[in-house]
Amino acid sequence: MGRGLYPKPPDLRGKHTQQLSDGELFWIIENGVRFTGMPAFGGSSEHGNSDDSWRLVRFIRHLPQLTAEERMEMGKYNPKGPEDRAEEQQEEDFLKGSAPQPPAASPHHH
C-alpha cells in the first residue's frame, strides 16, 4: 500500500523506528506525520482510543521478533489485489477439479 508514498514509510522493524521511545511512537500514532501518508489516529472515537495506540506501540516493539507462524497468520489479513484474488480462484477451481480458465484478456494499447 505504501509503494507510491513519499517519503517512503519506514520499516517498523528497523533500527530507526525501534530506537524511538514508546512515548514517541505513541505520539506519532496519535498525531500522524504531517505531509506524509501517516494519518493521526488519536482524538477521535472513530479510530479507537489511546489504549489501542498503546497496543500498537507494543506490537511495533514485537515486530523484530515475529516468528514464521506469526508472519503467516498476519499474511491472512493483508489486503489482496485483483491478481492475488484471481490466482486464489484458479487454485480453488483446480482443487475442486474444475477446468482451468484462461486469464482475462487485457485490452491492447496501440
Foldseek 3Di string as FASTA:
>chain_A
DQPPWPPGDDDLLDPVNLPDDLVVQLCCQQPPDPPTPTHHQADDVVNPYSVVSSVVSVVSNCVNVDDPVNVVVVVVPDDDDPVVVVVVVQVVCVVVVHDGDDDDDDDDDD
